Amino acid sequence: MYMSDELPSWYEMVLVKNLFWGEDETVIQFIPKKTEHRSIGEVLHMWKKVGVEHELPPGFLVAPKIDGT
């Protein structure tokens, strides 16, 4: 079993995501409201509803493109 005091990096999360879903699929990590929170430890969960593509915010609100635009 992998044990660490550190959460996985973005790149490690992408690697795990791509093991279960395609590179062209959007997967969401939810942070529920406090009254809905359930946890057995510091665990990151990825979700994708079958047959549904999640709406994403406009890209410019997330980060600039690599070419700076």
C-alpha atoms as a PDB file:
ATOM      1  CA  MET A   1       0.000   0.000   0.000  1.00  0.00           C
ATOM      2  CA  TYR A   2       1.260   3.477  -0.891  1.00  0.00           C
ATOM      3  CA  MET A   3       1.499   5.704   2.155  1.00  0.00           C
ATOM      4  CA  SER A   4       2.645   9.275   2.160  1.00  0.00           C
ATOM      5  CA  ASP A   5       2.139  12.473   4.101  1.00  0.00           C
ATOM      6  CA  GLU A   6       1.829  14.331   0.787  1.00  0.00           C
ATOM      7  CA  LEU A   7      -1.132  14.530  -1.547  1.00  0.00           C
ATOM      8  CA  PRO A   8      -0.450  13.505  -5.155  1.00  0.00           C
ATOM      9  CA  SER A   9       0.721  16.121  -7.630  1.00  0.00           C
ATOM     10  CA  TRP A  10      -1.384  17.360 -10.550  1.00  0.00           C
ATOM     11  CA  TYR A  11       0.626  15.099 -12.876  1.00  0.00           C
ATOM     12  CA  GLU A  12       0.062  12.058 -10.667  1.00  0.00           C
ATOM     13  CA  MET A  13      -3.689  12.779 -10.609  1.00  0.00           C
ATOM     14  CA  VAL A  14      -3.720  13.073 -14.420  1.00  0.00           C
ATOM     15  CA  LEU A  15      -1.899   9.737 -14.687  1.00  0.00           C
ATOM     16  CA  VAL A  16      -4.501   8.034 -12.467  1.00  0.00           C
ATOM     17  CA  LYS A  17      -7.362   9.745 -14.319  1.00  0.00           C
ATOM     18  CA  ASN A  18      -6.033   8.494 -17.664  1.00  0.00           C
ATOM     19  CA  LEU A  19      -5.868   4.929 -16.330  1.00  0.00           C
ATOM     20  CA  PHE A  20      -9.646   4.913 -15.870  1.00  0.00           C
ATOM     21  CA  TRP A  21     -10.906   7.473 -18.410  1.00  0.00           C
ATOM     22  CA  GLY A  22      -9.707   8.698 -21.787  1.00  0.00           C
ATOM     23  CA  GLU A  23      -7.371  11.653 -22.256  1.00  0.00           C
ATOM     24  CA  ASP A  24     -10.208  13.501 -24.023  1.00  0.00           C
ATOM     25  CA  GLU A  25     -12.701  13.030 -21.161  1.00  0.00           C
ATOM     26  CA  THR A  26     -13.393  15.577 -18.436  1.00  0.00           C
ATOM     27  CA  VAL A  27     -13.372  14.273 -14.872  1.00  0.00           C
ATOM     28  CA  ILE A  28     -14.395  16.328 -11.852  1.00  0.00           C
ATOM     29  CA  GLN A  29     -13.080  16.464  -8.301  1.00  0.00           C
ATOM     30  CA  PHE A  30     -15.924  17.587  -6.038  1.00  0.00           C
ATOM     31  CA  ILE A  31     -15.595  19.356  -2.725  1.00  0.00           C
ATOM     32  CA  PRO A  32     -19.076  19.039  -1.188  1.00  0.00           C
ATOM     33  CA  LYS A  33     -20.721  21.439   1.212  1.00  0.00           C
ATOM     34  CA  LYS A  34     -19.954  20.750   4.859  1.00  0.00           C
ATOM     35  CA  THR A  35     -23.306  19.066   5.582  1.00  0.00           C
ATOM     36  CA  GLU A  36     -22.695  16.552   2.757  1.00  0.00           C
ATOM     37  CA  HIS A  37     -19.030  15.873   3.525  1.00  0.00           C
ATOM     38  CA  ARG A  38     -18.092  12.238   4.139  1.00  0.00           C
ATOM     39  CA  SER A  39     -14.539  11.093   4.620  1.00  0.00           C
ATOM     40  CA  ILE A  40     -12.498   8.254   6.036  1.00  0.00           C
ATOM     41  CA  GLY A  41      -9.255  10.171   5.597  1.00  0.00           C
ATOM     42  CA  GLU A  42      -7.453  12.488   3.229  1.00  0.00           C
ATOM     43  CA  VAL A  43      -8.575  10.918  -0.034  1.00  0.00           C
ATOM     44  CA  LEU A  44      -9.049  12.588  -3.413  1.00  0.00           C
ATOM     45  CA  HIS A  45     -11.973  11.339  -5.490  1.00  0.00           C
ATOM     46  CA  MET A  46     -12.495  11.792  -9.231  1.00  0.00           C
ATOM     47  CA  TRP A  47     -15.964  11.513 -10.773  1.00  0.00           C
ATOM     48  CA  LYS A  48     -17.509  11.282 -14.211  1.00  0.00           C
ATOM     49  CA  LYS A  49     -21.168  10.593 -14.885  1.00  0.00           C
ATOM     50  CA  VAL A  50     -21.451   8.031 -17.688  1.00  0.00           C
ATOM     51  CA  GLY A  51     -22.714   9.550 -20.919  1.00  0.00           C
ATOM     52  CA  VAL A  52     -22.508  13.147 -19.689  1.00  0.00           C
ATOM     53  CA  GLU A  53     -19.875  15.760 -20.519  1.00  0.00           C
ATOM     54  CA  HIS A  54     -19.404  18.207 -17.658  1.00  0.00           C
ATOM     55  CA  GLU A  55     -19.694  21.917 -18.365  1.00  0.00           C
ATOM     56  CA  LEU A  56     -16.385  23.688 -17.890  1.00  0.00           C
ATOM     57  CA  PRO A  57     -15.703  27.358 -17.191  1.00  0.00           C
ATOM     58  CA  PRO A  58     -14.264  29.391 -20.071  1.00  0.00           C
ATOM     59  CA  GLY A  59     -10.575  28.558 -20.420  1.00  0.00           C
ATOM     60  CA  PHE A  60      -9.434  32.168 -19.985  1.00  0.00           C
ATOM     61  CA  LEU A  61     -10.898  32.128 -16.452  1.00  0.00           C
ATOM     62  CA  VAL A  62      -8.791  29.106 -15.545  1.00  0.00           C
ATOM     63  CA  ALA A  63      -5.390  29.930 -17.067  1.00  0.00           C
ATOM     64  CA  PRO A  64      -3.886  31.611 -20.124  1.00  0.00           C
ATOM     65  CA  LYS A  65      -3.026  29.510 -23.147  1.00  0.00           C
ATOM     66  CA  ILE A  66       0.589  28.378 -23.437  1.00  0.00           C
ATOM     67  CA  ASP A  67       1.252  31.020 -26.122  1.00  0.00           C
ATOM     68  CA  GLY A  68       0.232  33.696 -23.580  1.00  0.00           C
ATOM     69  CA  THR A  69      -3.243  34.545 -24.935  1.00  0.00           C
END
